[in-house]
């Protein structure tokens, strides 16, 4: 009798459902359409980069022979020729020094400005934010003459420190607003408890708030590395009479001569120049996304 009741109370065996493919599930068709549309767009977007890599291993006379990406013969010697003939090694060191110095200065200035704008209320704050927002649309060419005059007045035109100051002295509005947005959403209890313990302005900032903003720090580092590493106008103007201070962007331009241009070596030098930026971005891309998402979070 007990066995019969147990059999009657047992739940019915459900048939195992076959898992449907992702494109057949809810929202799967939308993802499929998005993927089909974005793949050609992605290929079109990265084609110039792939073409540059292809041109870097072609002879100079065959660079514009066609749109194909696979040469019949690979000339890897273009990289060594570009490194030696254009002094890419010296320009690489100059660019590294300028980039590291600019990143340190920009990180200190933008984080402190973002902390004040994000955590404190004072008269004229909205006006400052409005001016900073308007400066985003100011072209770099409009500020090159004041920057050159200032660097010349400081007698820094003959060394790399003048280029570092010029690179770090431009308006870094995006970084300031990212720090301000990130610091604004942090709880007030952190600041209040630190103030009760006797901590001052700088100690609260450097010991509490700055360590919490690692995603924005990574974002600022990536943005400034890309800006300083690839900048052309400021180094071109400041190193016009000092070829030994040229950066990679200006050094690559030297492949263009009055009568002929070595496009294959120029492409090889460009590939060498882009490699460190790509590596750093791949290392910090997760923090970059977190910094952008955290700064705009309401």
Foldseek 3Di string as FASTA:
>chain_A
DVVVVVVVPDDDDDDDDDDDDQLPDVCNVVVVVVVVVVVVVVCVVCLVVLLLVQLLQDAQVCSVVDSDNHDPGGRPCLLVCLCPVLVQVLQAVLLVVLLVLLLVLLLVVLLVLLLCLQPDDDPCSVVVLVVLVVLVPPDPVVCLVVLVVVLVVVVNLADSVSSSCSLNVRRPSVLNLLSSLLNNPDDCVLVVVCVVVPDDDVCSSPVPVVVVLVLSSLQSSLVSSVCSLQDDPNQCVSCVVPVSSHHLNPSLVVQDDPPDHRSNSSSSSVVVSCVVSVVSCVVSVVSPVVSVCSSPDD
